[in-house]
Amino acid sequence: MDVLGGDFGGFAGFDWAIPAVFLTVPGLLLILALLAQATVGFVWLPLVRRRLGEFGFGRRKRGEHEGC
């Protein structure tokens, strides 16, 4: 293949496979690490909230009034 006076015949098919793998694997590992952290967070957060309570945010208990 001749493109603008350069010959790229040596870069056919399999020659690109090895660099592509070396560039793809770190990205896939990063995605797997992020998915693992998100999964642990989704499991961990409800367990901690159940153990510690809701920290008093959100709804008030019946009979509580703000003092002026």
Foldseek 3Di string as FASTA:
>chain_A
DADPNDDPPVCDDPNVVVVVCVVVVVVVVVVVVVVVVVVCCVVPVVVVCVVPPVVPPDDDDPPDDDDD
